[in-house]
Amino acid sequence: MYFEDYQPGQTSRFGAYLVTESEIIEFASKYDPQYFHLDDEAAKNSLFGGLCASGWHTSAMFMRMLIDNLPEEHGSLGSPGINNLKCLNTKLKMTA
């Protein structure tokens, strides 16, 4: 199967991924150093109400889970690109 073989609305379950506070801070320190990704106390005064993972971090975790759960017969010709990426209500929504 290739990406174009998947249908809009099709879903898959990949299980769970435990994200630790130290992982959130490590990623944010390198790639998205905003206070609500770096400091739990300061983040309490943000719209998130506490430390939260970067949307970029969430996207990277999704990619890892996707690759780990693709069937062996899956083919890839590289990324077709992402037309729309939104992080809404802590749920990652991607469309290609």
PDB file of N, CA and C in Angstrom:
ATOM      1  N   MET A   1       0.834  -1.192   0.000  1.00  0.00           N
ATOM      2  CA  MET A   1       0.000   0.000   0.000  1.00  0.00           C
ATOM      3  C   MET A   1       0.871   1.245   0.000  1.00  0.00           C
ATOM      4  N   TYR A   2       0.399   2.273  -0.685  1.00  0.00           N
ATOM      5  CA  TYR A   2       1.047   3.577  -0.698  1.00  0.00           C
ATOM      6  C   TYR A   2       0.108   4.581  -0.049  1.00  0.00           C
ATOM      7  N   PHE A   3       0.589   5.783   0.267  1.00  0.00           N
ATOM      8  CA  PHE A   3      -0.239   6.763   0.965  1.00  0.00           C
ATOM      9  C   PHE A   3      -1.535   7.043   0.213  1.00  0.00           C
ATOM     10  N   GLU A   4      -1.490   7.060  -1.106  1.00  0.00           N
ATOM     11  CA  GLU A   4      -2.711   7.363  -1.867  1.00  0.00           C
ATOM     12  C   GLU A   4      -3.745   6.235  -1.798  1.00  0.00           C
ATOM     13  N   ASP A   5      -3.364   5.073  -1.283  1.00  0.00           N
ATOM     14  CA  ASP A   5      -4.304   3.960  -1.127  1.00  0.00           C
ATOM     15  C   ASP A   5      -5.182   4.115   0.108  1.00  0.00           C
ATOM     16  N   TYR A   6      -4.795   4.991   1.018  1.00  0.00           N
ATOM     17  CA  TYR A   6      -5.596   5.226   2.222  1.00  0.00           C
ATOM     18  C   TYR A   6      -6.718   6.202   1.897  1.00  0.00           C
ATOM     19  N   GLN A   7      -7.880   5.953   2.452  1.00  0.00           N
ATOM     20  CA  GLN A   7      -9.059   6.759   2.172  1.00  0.00           C
ATOM     21  C   GLN A   7      -9.254   7.844   3.230  1.00  0.00           C
ATOM     22  N   PRO A   8      -9.768   9.019   2.827  1.00  0.00           N
ATOM     23  CA  PRO A   8     -10.083  10.059   3.805  1.00  0.00           C
ATOM     24  C   PRO A   8     -11.034   9.508   4.869  1.00  0.00           C
ATOM     25  N   GLY A   9     -10.732   9.781   6.109  1.00  0.00           N
ATOM     26  CA  GLY A   9     -11.555   9.300   7.215  1.00  0.00           C
ATOM     27  C   GLY A   9     -11.157   7.936   7.743  1.00  0.00           C
ATOM     28  N   GLN A  10     -10.309   7.235   7.019  1.00  0.00           N
ATOM     29  CA  GLN A  10      -9.832   5.924   7.465  1.00  0.00           C
ATOM     30  C   GLN A  10      -9.014   6.120   8.740  1.00  0.00           C
ATOM     31  N   THR A  11      -9.197   5.257   9.706  1.00  0.00           N
ATOM     32  CA  THR A  11      -8.470   5.386  10.968  1.00  0.00           C
ATOM     33  C   THR A  11      -7.680   4.120  11.273  1.00  0.00           C
ATOM     34  N   SER A  12      -6.664   4.293  12.098  1.00  0.00           N
ATOM     35  CA  SER A  12      -5.851   3.182  12.585  1.00  0.00           C
ATOM     36  C   SER A  12      -5.516   3.460  14.039  1.00  0.00           C
ATOM     37  N   ARG A  13      -5.360   2.417  14.814  1.00  0.00           N
ATOM     38  CA  ARG A  13      -4.978   2.566  16.219  1.00  0.00           C
ATOM     39  C   ARG A  13      -3.534   2.116  16.372  1.00  0.00           C
ATOM     40  N   PHE A  14      -2.735   2.977  16.983  1.00  0.00           N
ATOM     41  CA  PHE A  14      -1.318   2.705  17.140  1.00  0.00           C
ATOM     42  C   PHE A  14      -0.925   2.429  18.587  1.00  0.00           C
ATOM     43  N   GLY A  15      -1.873   2.441  19.502  1.00  0.00           N
ATOM     44  CA  GLY A  15      -1.534   2.243  20.905  1.00  0.00           C
ATOM     45  C   GLY A  15      -1.230   3.571  21.572  1.00  0.00           C
ATOM     46  N   ALA A  16      -0.448   3.512  22.626  1.00  0.00           N
ATOM     47  CA  ALA A  16      -0.159   4.708  23.421  1.00  0.00           C
ATOM     48  C   ALA A  16       1.332   5.001  23.420  1.00  0.00           C
ATOM     49  N   TYR A  17       1.649   6.249  23.668  1.00  0.00           N
ATOM     50  CA  TYR A  17       3.033   6.685  23.794  1.00  0.00           C
ATOM     51  C   TYR A  17       3.105   7.589  25.014  1.00  0.00           C
ATOM     52  N   LEU A  18       3.851   7.177  26.017  1.00  0.00           N
ATOM     53  CA  LEU A  18       3.990   7.956  27.244  1.00  0.00           C
ATOM     54  C   LEU A  18       5.011   9.064  27.021  1.00  0.00           C
ATOM     55  N   VAL A  19       4.579  10.291  27.189  1.00  0.00           N
ATOM     56  CA  VAL A  19       5.455  11.441  27.018  1.00  0.00           C
ATOM     57  C   VAL A  19       5.825  11.964  28.399  1.00  0.00           C
ATOM     58  N   THR A  20       7.103  12.022  28.674  1.00  0.00           N
ATOM     59  CA  THR A  20       7.558  12.488  29.983  1.00  0.00           C
ATOM     60  C   THR A  20       7.828  13.991  29.957  1.00  0.00           C
ATOM     61  N   GLU A  21       7.812  14.581  31.126  1.00  0.00           N
ATOM     62  CA  GLU A  21       8.117  16.001  31.269  1.00  0.00           C
ATOM     63  C   GLU A  21       9.525  16.294  30.750  1.00  0.00           C
ATOM     64  N   SER A  22      10.462  15.425  31.077  1.00  0.00           N
ATOM     65  CA  SER A  22      11.841  15.664  30.625  1.00  0.00           C
ATOM     66  C   SER A  22      11.950  15.589  29.105  1.00  0.00           C
ATOM     67  N   GLU A  23      11.178  14.720  28.458  1.00  0.00           N
ATOM     68  CA  GLU A  23      11.195  14.635  26.995  1.00  0.00           C
ATOM     69  C   GLU A  23      10.623  15.909  26.373  1.00  0.00           C
ATOM     70  N   ILE A  24       9.529  16.417  26.956  1.00  0.00           N
ATOM     71  CA  ILE A  24       8.910  17.651  26.467  1.00  0.00           C
ATOM     72  C   ILE A  24       9.915  18.799  26.550  1.00  0.00           C
ATOM     73  N   ILE A  25      10.576  18.921  27.687  1.00  0.00           N
ATOM     74  CA  ILE A  25      11.531  20.008  27.897  1.00  0.00           C
ATOM     75  C   ILE A  25      12.758  19.849  26.995  1.00  0.00           C
ATOM     76  N   GLU A  26      13.247  18.623  26.846  1.00  0.00           N
ATOM     77  CA  GLU A  26      14.409  18.389  25.988  1.00  0.00           C
ATOM     78  C   GLU A  26      14.114  18.778  24.540  1.00  0.00           C
ATOM     79  N   PHE A  27      12.967  18.316  24.021  1.00  0.00           N
ATOM     80  CA  PHE A  27      12.604  18.658  22.636  1.00  0.00           C
ATOM     81  C   PHE A  27      12.450  20.168  22.488  1.00  0.00           C
ATOM     82  N   ALA A  28      11.702  20.775  23.403  1.00  0.00           N
ATOM     83  CA  ALA A  28      11.443  22.218  23.317  1.00  0.00           C
ATOM     84  C   ALA A  28      12.737  23.022  23.429  1.00  0.00           C
ATOM     85  N   SER A  29      13.639  22.591  24.264  1.00  0.00           N
ATOM     86  CA  SER A  29      14.913  23.297  24.423  1.00  0.00           C
ATOM     87  C   SER A  29      15.674  23.357  23.109  1.00  0.00           C
ATOM     88  N   LYS A  30      15.571  22.297  22.329  1.00  0.00           N
ATOM     89  CA  LYS A  30      16.286  22.230  21.057  1.00  0.00           C
ATOM     90  C   LYS A  30      15.528  22.901  19.912  1.00  0.00           C
ATOM     91  N   TYR A  31      14.196  22.743  19.871  1.00  0.00           N
ATOM     92  CA  TYR A  31      13.458  23.078  18.660  1.00  0.00           C
ATOM     93  C   TYR A  31      12.306  24.074  18.807  1.00  0.00           C
ATOM     94  N   ASP A  32      11.766  24.253  19.995  1.00  0.00           N
ATOM     95  CA  ASP A  32      10.598  25.130  20.155  1.00  0.00           C
ATOM     96  C   ASP A  32      10.603  25.720  21.564  1.00  0.00           C
ATOM     97  N   PRO A  33      11.558  26.606  21.860  1.00  0.00           N
ATOM     98  CA  PRO A  33      11.773  27.064  23.229  1.00  0.00           C
ATOM     99  C   PRO A  33      10.795  28.141  23.714  1.00  0.00           C
ATOM    100  N   GLN A  34       9.530  27.803  23.725  1.00  0.00           N
ATOM    101  CA  GLN A  34       8.522  28.697  24.289  1.00  0.00           C
ATOM    102  C   GLN A  34       8.284  28.293  25.736  1.00  0.00           C
ATOM    103  N   TYR A  35       7.976  29.283  26.574  1.00  0.00           N
ATOM    104  CA  TYR A  35       7.918  29.043  28.016  1.00  0.00           C
ATOM    105  C   TYR A  35       6.935  27.944  28.429  1.00  0.00           C
ATOM    106  N   PHE A  36       5.840  27.784  27.717  1.00  0.00           N
ATOM    107  CA  PHE A  36       4.850  26.769  28.104  1.00  0.00           C
ATOM    108  C   PHE A  36       5.273  25.357  27.716  1.00  0.00           C
ATOM    109  N   HIS A  37       6.406  25.237  26.992  1.00  0.00           N
ATOM    110  CA  HIS A  37       7.009  23.937  26.695  1.00  0.00           C
ATOM    111  C   HIS A  37       8.206  23.664  27.607  1.00  0.00           C
ATOM    112  N   LEU A  38       8.670  24.684  28.312  1.00  0.00           N
ATOM    113  CA  LEU A  38       9.921  24.575  29.068  1.00  0.00           C
ATOM    114  C   LEU A  38       9.772  24.626  30.581  1.00  0.00           C
ATOM    115  N   ASP A  39       8.756  25.317  31.081  1.00  0.00           N
ATOM    116  CA  ASP A  39       8.652  25.589  32.519  1.00  0.00           C
ATOM    117  C   ASP A  39       7.223  25.368  32.999  1.00  0.00           C
ATOM    118  N   ASP A  40       7.018  24.305  33.756  1.00  0.00           N
ATOM    119  CA  ASP A  40       5.673  23.957  34.210  1.00  0.00           C
ATOM    120  C   ASP A  40       5.046  25.071  35.042  1.00  0.00           C
ATOM    121  N   GLU A  41       5.827  25.689  35.903  1.00  0.00           N
ATOM    122  CA  GLU A  41       5.291  26.745  36.771  1.00  0.00           C
ATOM    123  C   GLU A  41       4.851  27.949  35.941  1.00  0.00           C
ATOM    124  N   ALA A  42       5.695  28.385  35.021  1.00  0.00           N
ATOM    125  CA  ALA A  42       5.336  29.517  34.154  1.00  0.00           C
ATOM    126  C   ALA A  42       4.166  29.152  33.239  1.00  0.00           C
ATOM    127  N   ALA A  43       4.111  27.902  32.806  1.00  0.00           N
ATOM    128  CA  ALA A  43       3.060  27.449  31.890  1.00  0.00           C
ATOM    129  C   ALA A  43       1.678  27.438  32.550  1.00  0.00           C
ATOM    130  N   LYS A  44       1.639  27.434  33.878  1.00  0.00           N
ATOM    131  CA  LYS A  44       0.342  27.470  34.578  1.00  0.00           C
ATOM    132  C   LYS A  44      -0.426  28.739  34.258  1.00  0.00           C
ATOM    133  N   ASN A  45       0.278  29.795  33.871  1.00  0.00           N
ATOM    134  CA  ASN A  45      -0.362  31.067  33.528  1.00  0.00           C
ATOM    135  C   ASN A  45      -0.633  31.198  32.031  1.00  0.00           C
ATOM    136  N   SER A  46      -0.410  30.130  31.284  1.00  0.00           N
ATOM    137  CA  SER A  46      -0.658  30.159  29.844  1.00  0.00           C
ATOM    138  C   SER A  46      -2.058  29.645  29.544  1.00  0.00           C
ATOM    139  N   LEU A  47      -2.447  29.703  28.281  1.00  0.00           N
ATOM    140  CA  LEU A  47      -3.759  29.171  27.901  1.00  0.00           C
ATOM    141  C   LEU A  47      -3.841  27.660  28.097  1.00  0.00           C
ATOM    142  N   PHE A  48      -2.681  26.979  28.270  1.00  0.00           N
ATOM    143  CA  PHE A  48      -2.667  25.534  28.459  1.00  0.00           C
ATOM    144  C   PHE A  48      -2.830  25.140  29.922  1.00  0.00           C
ATOM    145  N   GLY A  49      -2.520  26.038  30.838  1.00  0.00           N
ATOM    146  CA  GLY A  49      -2.671  25.749  32.258  1.00  0.00           C
ATOM    147  C   GLY A  49      -1.583  24.861  32.826  1.00  0.00           C
ATOM    148  N   GLY A  50      -0.568  24.572  32.060  1.00  0.00           N
ATOM    149  CA  GLY A  50       0.538  23.738  32.508  1.00  0.00           C
ATOM    150  C   GLY A  50       1.434  23.377  31.338  1.00  0.00           C
ATOM    151  N   LEU A  51       2.496  22.669  31.645  1.00  0.00           N
ATOM    152  CA  LEU A  51       3.461  22.267  30.626  1.00  0.00           C
ATOM    153  C   LEU A  51       2.762  21.476  29.519  1.00  0.00           C
ATOM    154  N   CYS A  52       3.093  21.759  28.282  1.00  0.00           N
ATOM    155  CA  CYS A  52       2.511  21.010  27.167  1.00  0.00           C
ATOM    156  C   CYS A  52       3.577  20.759  26.114  1.00  0.00           C
ATOM    157  N   ALA A  53       3.416  19.676  25.401  1.00  0.00           N
ATOM    158  CA  ALA A  53       4.345  19.328  24.328  1.00  0.00           C
ATOM    159  C   ALA A  53       4.110  20.237  23.128  1.00  0.00           C
ATOM    160  N   SER A  54       5.184  20.562  22.456  1.00  0.00           N
ATOM    161  CA  SER A  54       5.122  21.337  21.226  1.00  0.00           C
ATOM    162  C   SER A  54       4.337  20.580  20.163  1.00  0.00           C
ATOM    163  N   GLY A  55       3.650  21.316  19.302  1.00  0.00           N
ATOM    164  CA  GLY A  55       2.974  20.679  18.178  1.00  0.00           C
ATOM    165  C   GLY A  55       3.957  19.960  17.265  1.00  0.00           C
ATOM    166  N   TRP A  56       5.162  20.521  17.144  1.00  0.00           N
ATOM    167  CA  TRP A  56       6.204  19.868  16.340  1.00  0.00           C
ATOM    168  C   TRP A  56       6.626  18.558  16.991  1.00  0.00           C
ATOM    169  N   HIS A  57       6.697  18.553  18.302  1.00  0.00           N
ATOM    170  CA  HIS A  57       7.041  17.337  19.040  1.00  0.00           C
ATOM    171  C   HIS A  57       5.947  16.291  18.840  1.00  0.00           C
ATOM    172  N   THR A  58       4.705  16.731  18.943  1.00  0.00           N
ATOM    173  CA  THR A  58       3.573  15.833  18.740  1.00  0.00           C
ATOM    174  C   THR A  58       3.606  15.234  17.335  1.00  0.00           C
ATOM    175  N   SER A  59       3.923  16.061  16.348  1.00  0.00           N
ATOM    176  CA  SER A  59       4.025  15.575  14.966  1.00  0.00           C
ATOM    177  C   SER A  59       5.127  14.531  14.827  1.00  0.00           C
ATOM    178  N   ALA A  60       6.264  14.777  15.479  1.00  0.00           N
ATOM    179  CA  ALA A  60       7.379  13.826  15.419  1.00  0.00           C
ATOM    180  C   ALA A  60       7.013  12.504  16.094  1.00  0.00           C
ATOM    181  N   MET A  61       6.290  12.575  17.214  1.00  0.00           N
ATOM    182  CA  MET A  61       5.850  11.339  17.890  1.00  0.00           C
ATOM    183  C   MET A  61       4.880  10.567  17.008  1.00  0.00           C
ATOM    184  N   PHE A  62       3.971  11.305  16.341  1.00  0.00           N
ATOM    185  CA  PHE A  62       3.035  10.649  15.423  1.00  0.00           C
ATOM    186  C   PHE A  62       3.794   9.929  14.312  1.00  0.00           C
ATOM    187  N   MET A  63       4.800  10.586  13.747  1.00  0.00           N
ATOM    188  CA  MET A  63       5.569   9.973  12.655  1.00  0.00           C
ATOM    189  C   MET A  63       6.221   8.690  13.127  1.00  0.00           C
ATOM    190  N   ARG A  64       6.776   8.701  14.335  1.00  0.00           N
ATOM    191  CA  ARG A  64       7.408   7.495  14.878  1.00  0.00           C
ATOM    192  C   ARG A  64       6.383   6.369  15.027  1.00  0.00           C
ATOM    193  N   MET A  65       5.219   6.691  15.574  1.00  0.00           N
ATOM    194  CA  MET A  65       4.184   5.682  15.765  1.00  0.00           C
ATOM    195  C   MET A  65       3.661   5.167  14.427  1.00  0.00           C
ATOM    196  N   LEU A  66       3.555   6.052  13.444  1.00  0.00           N
ATOM    197  CA  LEU A  66       3.107   5.649  12.110  1.00  0.00           C
ATOM    198  C   LEU A  66       4.079   4.642  11.511  1.00  0.00           C
ATOM    199  N   ILE A  67       5.361   4.964  11.506  1.00  0.00           N
ATOM    200  CA  ILE A  67       6.370   4.076  10.918  1.00  0.00           C
ATOM    201  C   ILE A  67       6.428   2.750  11.666  1.00  0.00           C
ATOM    202  N   ASP A  68       6.341   2.796  12.994  1.00  0.00           N
ATOM    203  CA  ASP A  68       6.387   1.562  13.787  1.00  0.00           C
ATOM    204  C   ASP A  68       5.186   0.659  13.533  1.00  0.00           C
ATOM    205  N   ASN A  69       4.083   1.223  13.034  1.00  0.00           N
ATOM    206  CA  ASN A  69       2.854   0.449  12.870  1.00  0.00           C
ATOM    207  C   ASN A  69       2.433   0.219  11.428  1.00  0.00           C
ATOM    208  N   LEU A  70       3.230   0.660  10.478  1.00  0.00           N
ATOM    209  CA  LEU A  70       2.895   0.387   9.081  1.00  0.00           C
ATOM    210  C   LEU A  70       3.102  -1.091   8.771  1.00  0.00           C
ATOM    211  N   PRO A  71       2.237  -1.671   7.970  1.00  0.00           N
ATOM    212  CA  PRO A  71       2.461  -3.060   7.579  1.00  0.00           C
ATOM    213  C   PRO A  71       3.730  -3.181   6.733  1.00  0.00           C
ATOM    214  N   GLU A  72       4.333  -4.357   6.756  1.00  0.00           N
ATOM    215  CA  GLU A  72       5.577  -4.580   6.015  1.00  0.00           C
ATOM    216  C   GLU A  72       5.420  -4.310   4.521  1.00  0.00           C
ATOM    217  N   GLU A  73       4.239  -4.550   4.005  1.00  0.00           N
ATOM    218  CA  GLU A  73       4.030  -4.376   2.568  1.00  0.00           C
ATOM    219  C   GLU A  73       3.779  -2.921   2.179  1.00  0.00           C
ATOM    220  N   HIS A  74       3.913  -2.010   3.132  1.00  0.00           N
ATOM    221  CA  HIS A  74       3.714  -0.583   2.848  1.00  0.00           C
ATOM    222  C   HIS A  74       4.891  -0.041   2.046  1.00  0.00           C
ATOM    223  N   GLY A  75       4.589   0.741   1.048  1.00  0.00           N
ATOM    224  CA  GLY A  75       5.633   1.359   0.229  1.00  0.00           C
ATOM    225  C   GLY A  75       5.630   2.858   0.432  1.00  0.00           C
ATOM    226  N   SER A  76       6.767   3.479   0.287  1.00  0.00           N
ATOM    227  CA  SER A  76       6.860   4.928   0.409  1.00  0.00           C
ATOM    228  C   SER A  76       7.767   5.462  -0.689  1.00  0.00           C
ATOM    229  N   LEU A  77       7.321   6.520  -1.309  1.00  0.00           N
ATOM    230  CA  LEU A  77       8.122   7.185  -2.335  1.00  0.00           C
ATOM    231  C   LEU A  77       8.582   8.551  -1.838  1.00  0.00           C
ATOM    232  N   GLY A  78       8.624   8.713  -0.538  1.00  0.00           N
ATOM    233  CA  GLY A  78       8.974  10.004   0.051  1.00  0.00           C
ATOM    234  C   GLY A  78       7.720  10.757   0.428  1.00  0.00           C
ATOM    235  N   SER A  79       7.895  11.860   1.067  1.00  0.00           N
ATOM    236  CA  SER A  79       6.758  12.636   1.547  1.00  0.00           C
ATOM    237  C   SER A  79       6.048  13.372   0.422  1.00  0.00           C
ATOM    238  N   PRO A  80       4.720  13.228   0.355  1.00  0.00           N
ATOM    239  CA  PRO A  80       3.965  14.012  -0.611  1.00  0.00           C
ATOM    240  C   PRO A  80       3.731  15.434  -0.111  1.00  0.00           C
ATOM    241  N   GLY A  81       4.100  15.710   1.138  1.00  0.00           N
ATOM    242  CA  GLY A  81       3.898  17.023   1.742  1.00  0.00           C
ATOM    243  C   GLY A  81       2.649  17.040   2.600  1.00  0.00           C
ATOM    244  N   ILE A  82       2.528  18.058   3.394  1.00  0.00           N
ATOM    245  CA  ILE A  82       1.348  18.245   4.249  1.00  0.00           C
ATOM    246  C   ILE A  82       0.761  19.599   3.892  1.00  0.00           C
ATOM    247  N   ASN A  83      -0.492  19.588   3.493  1.00  0.00           N
ATOM    248  CA  ASN A  83      -1.153  20.828   3.109  1.00  0.00           C
ATOM    249  C   ASN A  83      -1.694  21.594   4.298  1.00  0.00           C
ATOM    250  N   ASN A  84      -2.004  20.884   5.380  1.00  0.00           N
ATOM    251  CA  ASN A  84      -2.665  21.521   6.508  1.00  0.00           C
ATOM    252  C   ASN A  84      -2.276  20.787   7.780  1.00  0.00           C
ATOM    253  N   LEU A  85      -1.760  21.496   8.746  1.00  0.00           N
ATOM    254  CA  LEU A  85      -1.389  20.912  10.032  1.00  0.00           C
ATOM    255  C   LEU A  85      -1.922  21.822  11.122  1.00  0.00           C
ATOM    256  N   LYS A  86      -2.825  21.297  11.945  1.00  0.00           N
ATOM    257  CA  LYS A  86      -3.417  22.085  13.023  1.00  0.00           C
ATOM    258  C   LYS A  86      -3.411  21.259  14.298  1.00  0.00           C
ATOM    259  N   CYS A  87      -3.096  21.900  15.399  1.00  0.00           N
ATOM    260  CA  CYS A  87      -3.177  21.263  16.712  1.00  0.00           C
ATOM    261  C   CYS A  87      -4.369  21.879  17.426  1.00  0.00           C
ATOM    262  N   LEU A  88      -5.455  21.157  17.492  1.00  0.00           N
ATOM    263  CA  LEU A  88      -6.687  21.645  18.091  1.00  0.00           C
ATOM    264  C   LEU A  88      -7.042  20.804  19.307  1.00  0.00           C
ATOM    265  N   ASN A  89      -7.275  21.445  20.422  1.00  0.00           N
ATOM    266  CA  ASN A  89      -7.701  20.742  21.638  1.00  0.00           C
ATOM    267  C   ASN A  89      -6.808  19.555  21.962  1.00  0.00           C
ATOM    268  N   THR A  90      -5.524  19.714  21.841  1.00  0.00           N
ATOM    269  CA  THR A  90      -4.487  18.717  22.118  1.00  0.00           C
ATOM    270  C   THR A  90      -4.564  17.496  21.201  1.00  0.00           C
ATOM    271  N   LYS A  91      -5.344  17.562  20.137  1.00  0.00           N
ATOM    272  CA  LYS A  91      -5.410  16.463  19.185  1.00  0.00           C
ATOM    273  C   LYS A  91      -4.766  16.922  17.882  1.00  0.00           C
ATOM    274  N   LEU A  92      -3.835  16.154  17.406  1.00  0.00           N
ATOM    275  CA  LEU A  92      -3.148  16.507  16.172  1.00  0.00           C
ATOM    276  C   LEU A  92      -4.029  16.157  14.985  1.00  0.00           C
ATOM    277  N   LYS A  93      -4.179  17.083  14.079  1.00  0.00           N
ATOM    278  CA  LYS A  93      -4.985  16.843  12.882  1.00  0.00           C
ATOM    279  C   LYS A  93      -4.120  17.171  11.678  1.00  0.00           C
ATOM    280  N   MET A  94      -3.898  16.182  10.828  1.00  0.00           N
ATOM    281  CA  MET A  94      -3.066  16.378   9.645  1.00  0.00           C
ATOM    282  C   MET A  94      -3.856  16.003   8.413  1.00  0.00           C
ATOM    283  N   THR A  95      -3.687  16.759   7.352  1.00  0.00           N
ATOM    284  CA  THR A  95      -4.272  16.381   6.064  1.00  0.00           C
ATOM    285  C   THR A  95      -3.201  16.535   5.009  1.00  0.00           C
ATOM    286  N   ALA A  96      -3.208  15.643   4.060  1.00  0.00           N
ATOM    287  CA  ALA A  96      -2.204  15.713   2.980  1.00  0.00           C
ATOM    288  C   ALA A  96      -2.890  15.930   1.663  1.00  0.00           C
TER     289      ALA A  96
END
